[in-house]
Amino acid sequence: MKEIAMTERKVRVLLIEDDRDDAEIIRLYLAEPDEMGMKFEVERADRLAQGLRLLKARAFDIILLDLILSDNYGIDTAARALAGARGIPLLVMTGFDDESAALDATRLGAQDYLVKSSLDSGLLKSAIRRILERSRLQTVW
């Protein structure tokens, strides 16, 4: 029953992405509910500083974070986002094939990472659903 309740509500997504085209593609990927009926409400910040302000002002269920932003770069981006996340799960996205920074981000506490060049709607929604379920289970334990 708990899983059904989770999919009936909207998942509040904070997308921290400075590339307008990438942000629009991600919004399109999340515009429709997933196969389990989970709906997504996406709010975008185009800089890390703006994202951190939004985290203080609003409630989110998950953060999608690009590692390369105009005001921050690489593993420091993940470290600062995690510090401001207050326990909100973080999914790192990287636009380059160097997965070492993304792996480092998971070692710091990010839940997972995706390479943007291999991203599609199903993969993104599946990753979000998996991360939220894992987070819910960790909260129960």
C-alpha atoms as a PDB file:
ATOM      1  CA  MET A   1       0.000   0.000   0.000  1.00  0.00           C
ATOM      2  CA  LYS A   2       2.798   2.424   0.810  1.00  0.00           C
ATOM      3  CA  GLU A   3       4.225   2.171  -2.717  1.00  0.00           C
ATOM      4  CA  ILE A   4       0.830   2.977  -4.244  1.00  0.00           C
ATOM      5  CA  ALA A   5       0.535   6.056  -2.071  1.00  0.00           C
ATOM      6  CA  MET A   6       4.003   7.197  -3.166  1.00  0.00           C
ATOM      7  CA  THR A   7       3.140   6.941  -6.859  1.00  0.00           C
ATOM      8  CA  GLU A   8      -0.184   8.738  -6.506  1.00  0.00           C
ATOM      9  CA  ARG A   9       1.433  11.992  -5.437  1.00  0.00           C
ATOM     10  CA  LYS A  10       3.679  14.281  -7.389  1.00  0.00           C
ATOM     11  CA  VAL A  11       7.389  13.940  -6.913  1.00  0.00           C
ATOM     12  CA  ARG A  12       8.881  17.386  -6.344  1.00  0.00           C
ATOM     13  CA  VAL A  13      12.114  17.543  -8.323  1.00  0.00           C
ATOM     14  CA  LEU A  14      14.751  20.249  -7.987  1.00  0.00           C
ATOM     15  CA  LEU A  15      16.735  20.310 -11.220  1.00  0.00           C
ATOM     16  CA  ILE A  16      20.024  22.197 -10.892  1.00  0.00           C
ATOM     17  CA  GLU A  17      21.152  22.519 -14.501  1.00  0.00           C
ATOM     18  CA  ASP A  18      22.608  25.565 -16.256  1.00  0.00           C
ATOM     19  CA  ASP A  19      22.283  24.298 -19.830  1.00  0.00           C
ATOM     20  CA  ARG A  20      18.875  25.429 -21.080  1.00  0.00           C
ATOM     21  CA  ASP A  21      18.619  22.687 -23.712  1.00  0.00           C
ATOM     22  CA  ASP A  22      19.543  19.908 -21.285  1.00  0.00           C
ATOM     23  CA  ALA A  23      17.057  21.273 -18.746  1.00  0.00           C
ATOM     24  CA  GLU A  24      14.294  21.326 -21.357  1.00  0.00           C
ATOM     25  CA  ILE A  25      15.030  17.737 -22.391  1.00  0.00           C
ATOM     26  CA  ILE A  26      14.862  16.605 -18.765  1.00  0.00           C
ATOM     27  CA  ARG A  27      11.581  18.482 -18.281  1.00  0.00           C
ATOM     28  CA  LEU A  28      10.189  16.734 -21.364  1.00  0.00           C
ATOM     29  CA  TYR A  29      11.352  13.348 -20.054  1.00  0.00           C
ATOM     30  CA  LEU A  30       9.495  14.013 -16.799  1.00  0.00           C
ATOM     31  CA  ALA A  31       6.407  15.643 -18.319  1.00  0.00           C
ATOM     32  CA  GLU A  32       4.469  12.379 -18.413  1.00  0.00           C
ATOM     33  CA  PRO A  33       3.923   9.997 -15.478  1.00  0.00           C
ATOM     34  CA  ASP A  34       6.048   6.866 -15.356  1.00  0.00           C
ATOM     35  CA  GLU A  35       4.578   3.394 -15.899  1.00  0.00           C
ATOM     36  CA  MET A  36       3.698   3.196 -12.187  1.00  0.00           C
ATOM     37  CA  GLY A  37       1.735   6.461 -12.359  1.00  0.00           C
ATOM     38  CA  MET A  38       4.361   8.575 -10.595  1.00  0.00           C
ATOM     39  CA  LYS A  39       4.050  12.233 -11.638  1.00  0.00           C
ATOM     40  CA  PHE A  40       6.852  14.777 -11.555  1.00  0.00           C
ATOM     41  CA  GLU A  41       6.820  18.468 -10.711  1.00  0.00           C
ATOM     42  CA  VAL A  42      10.120  20.014 -11.824  1.00  0.00           C
ATOM     43  CA  GLU A  43      11.570  23.297 -10.601  1.00  0.00           C
ATOM     44  CA  ARG A  44      14.823  24.428 -12.178  1.00  0.00           C
ATOM     45  CA  ALA A  45      17.746  26.399 -10.825  1.00  0.00           C
ATOM     46  CA  ASP A  46      20.390  27.398 -13.345  1.00  0.00           C
ATOM     47  CA  ARG A  47      23.135  27.896 -10.749  1.00  0.00           C
ATOM     48  CA  LEU A  48      24.144  26.028  -7.623  1.00  0.00           C
ATOM     49  CA  ALA A  49      23.687  29.120  -5.448  1.00  0.00           C
ATOM     50  CA  GLN A  50      20.110  29.478  -6.684  1.00  0.00           C
ATOM     51  CA  GLY A  51      19.475  25.765  -6.071  1.00  0.00           C
ATOM     52  CA  LEU A  52      20.763  26.027  -2.510  1.00  0.00           C
ATOM     53  CA  ARG A  53      18.426  28.983  -1.886  1.00  0.00           C
ATOM     54  CA  LEU A  54      15.477  26.975  -3.237  1.00  0.00           C
ATOM     55  CA  LEU A  55      16.378  24.070  -0.936  1.00  0.00           C
ATOM     56  CA  LYS A  56      16.038  26.409   2.051  1.00  0.00           C
ATOM     57  CA  ALA A  57      12.747  27.862   0.839  1.00  0.00           C
ATOM     58  CA  ARG A  58      10.834  24.857  -0.519  1.00  0.00           C
ATOM     59  CA  ALA A  59      10.365  21.142   0.024  1.00  0.00           C
ATOM     60  CA  PHE A  60      11.698  18.717  -2.602  1.00  0.00           C
ATOM     61  CA  ASP A  61      11.717  14.933  -2.845  1.00  0.00           C
ATOM     62  CA  ILE A  62      14.828  14.604  -5.010  1.00  0.00           C
ATOM     63  CA  ILE A  63      17.593  16.751  -6.476  1.00  0.00           C
ATOM     64  CA  LEU A  64      18.919  16.257 -10.012  1.00  0.00           C
ATOM     65  CA  LEU A  65      22.329  17.913 -10.156  1.00  0.00           C
ATOM     66  CA  ASP A  66      24.587  18.643 -13.095  1.00  0.00           C
ATOM     67  CA  LEU A  67      28.211  18.520 -11.943  1.00  0.00           C
ATOM     68  CA  ILE A  68      29.359  21.318 -14.248  1.00  0.00           C
ATOM     69  CA  LEU A  69      27.611  24.613 -13.555  1.00  0.00           C
ATOM     70  CA  SER A  70      28.486  28.213 -14.290  1.00  0.00           C
ATOM     71  CA  ASP A  71      29.122  28.898 -10.592  1.00  0.00           C
ATOM     72  CA  ASN A  72      30.599  25.555  -9.499  1.00  0.00           C
ATOM     73  CA  TYR A  73      32.441  22.624 -11.016  1.00  0.00           C
ATOM     74  CA  GLY A  74      32.972  18.927 -10.418  1.00  0.00           C
ATOM     75  CA  ILE A  75      33.053  17.149  -7.094  1.00  0.00           C
ATOM     76  CA  ASP A  76      32.818  20.441  -5.190  1.00  0.00           C
ATOM     77  CA  THR A  77      29.383  20.928  -6.792  1.00  0.00           C
ATOM     78  CA  ALA A  78      28.199  17.625  -5.347  1.00  0.00           C
ATOM     79  CA  ALA A  79      29.761  18.327  -1.942  1.00  0.00           C
ATOM     80  CA  ARG A  80      28.064  21.716  -1.653  1.00  0.00           C
ATOM     81  CA  ALA A  81      24.730  20.347  -2.893  1.00  0.00           C
ATOM     82  CA  LEU A  82      24.846  17.468  -0.416  1.00  0.00           C
ATOM     83  CA  ALA A  83      25.648  19.868   2.427  1.00  0.00           C
ATOM     84  CA  GLY A  84      22.557  21.912   1.575  1.00  0.00           C
ATOM     85  CA  ALA A  85      20.300  18.977   0.749  1.00  0.00           C
ATOM     86  CA  ARG A  86      19.234  18.236   4.346  1.00  0.00           C
ATOM     87  CA  GLY A  87      18.830  14.535   3.599  1.00  0.00           C
ATOM     88  CA  ILE A  88      17.079  14.930   0.247  1.00  0.00           C
ATOM     89  CA  PRO A  89      18.312  12.243  -2.167  1.00  0.00           C
ATOM     90  CA  LEU A  90      20.709  13.494  -4.842  1.00  0.00           C
ATOM     91  CA  LEU A  91      20.990  12.117  -8.378  1.00  0.00           C
ATOM     92  CA  VAL A  92      24.106  13.400 -10.121  1.00  0.00           C
ATOM     93  CA  MET A  93      24.116  13.958 -13.869  1.00  0.00           C
ATOM     94  CA  THR A  94      27.255  14.443 -15.859  1.00  0.00           C
ATOM     95  CA  GLY A  95      27.539  15.614 -19.426  1.00  0.00           C
ATOM     96  CA  PHE A  96      30.921  14.120 -20.082  1.00  0.00           C
ATOM     97  CA  ASP A  97      32.183  10.562 -20.217  1.00  0.00           C
ATOM     98  CA  ASP A  98      34.504  11.008 -17.233  1.00  0.00           C
ATOM     99  CA  GLU A  99      32.561   9.013 -14.700  1.00  0.00           C
ATOM    100  CA  SER A 100      35.205   9.390 -12.001  1.00  0.00           C
ATOM    101  CA  ALA A 101      33.711  12.650 -10.692  1.00  0.00           C
ATOM    102  CA  ALA A 102      30.257  11.058 -10.623  1.00  0.00           C
ATOM    103  CA  LEU A 103      31.643   8.051  -8.741  1.00  0.00           C
ATOM    104  CA  ASP A 104      33.331  10.404  -6.293  1.00  0.00           C
ATOM    105  CA  ALA A 105      29.970  12.116  -5.785  1.00  0.00           C
ATOM    106  CA  THR A 106      28.355   8.789  -4.877  1.00  0.00           C
ATOM    107  CA  ARG A 107      31.148   8.170  -2.386  1.00  0.00           C
ATOM    108  CA  LEU A 108      30.285  11.536  -0.815  1.00  0.00           C
ATOM    109  CA  GLY A 109      26.618  10.570  -0.494  1.00  0.00           C
ATOM    110  CA  ALA A 110      24.870  11.045  -3.835  1.00  0.00           C
ATOM    111  CA  GLN A 111      22.414   8.203  -4.392  1.00  0.00           C
ATOM    112  CA  ASP A 112      23.357   7.527  -8.015  1.00  0.00           C
ATOM    113  CA  TYR A 113      24.611   9.134 -11.196  1.00  0.00           C
ATOM    114  CA  LEU A 114      23.610   9.169 -14.856  1.00  0.00           C
ATOM    115  CA  VAL A 115      25.595  10.192 -17.919  1.00  0.00           C
ATOM    116  CA  LYS A 116      23.434  12.706 -19.791  1.00  0.00           C
ATOM    117  CA  SER A 117      24.471  11.440 -23.224  1.00  0.00           C
ATOM    118  CA  SER A 118      22.853   8.057 -22.452  1.00  0.00           C
ATOM    119  CA  LEU A 119      19.810   9.500 -20.705  1.00  0.00           C
ATOM    120  CA  ASP A 120      16.270   8.772 -21.834  1.00  0.00           C
ATOM    121  CA  SER A 121      12.857   9.147 -20.233  1.00  0.00           C
ATOM    122  CA  GLY A 122      12.572   5.577 -18.992  1.00  0.00           C
ATOM    123  CA  LEU A 123      16.080   5.487 -17.523  1.00  0.00           C
ATOM    124  CA  LEU A 124      15.622   8.805 -15.702  1.00  0.00           C
ATOM    125  CA  LYS A 125      12.205   7.892 -14.282  1.00  0.00           C
ATOM    126  CA  SER A 126      13.430   4.461 -13.235  1.00  0.00           C
ATOM    127  CA  ALA A 127      16.455   5.952 -11.454  1.00  0.00           C
ATOM    128  CA  ILE A 128      14.269   8.474  -9.615  1.00  0.00           C
ATOM    129  CA  ARG A 129      11.776   5.785  -8.569  1.00  0.00           C
ATOM    130  CA  ARG A 130      14.594   3.491  -7.361  1.00  0.00           C
ATOM    131  CA  ILE A 131      16.279   6.278  -5.388  1.00  0.00           C
ATOM    132  CA  LEU A 132      13.031   7.363  -3.738  1.00  0.00           C
ATOM    133  CA  GLU A 133      12.151   3.796  -2.812  1.00  0.00           C
ATOM    134  CA  ARG A 134      15.631   3.208  -1.369  1.00  0.00           C
ATOM    135  CA  SER A 135      15.358   6.458   0.586  1.00  0.00           C
ATOM    136  CA  ARG A 136      11.935   5.468   1.911  1.00  0.00           C
ATOM    137  CA  LEU A 137      13.236   2.081   3.018  1.00  0.00           C
ATOM    138  CA  GLN A 138      16.234   3.646   4.770  1.00  0.00           C
ATOM    139  CA  THR A 139      13.872   5.973   6.626  1.00  0.00           C
ATOM    140  CA  VAL A 140      11.767   3.016   7.796  1.00  0.00           C
ATOM    141  CA  TRP A 141      14.825   1.176   9.113  1.00  0.00           C
END
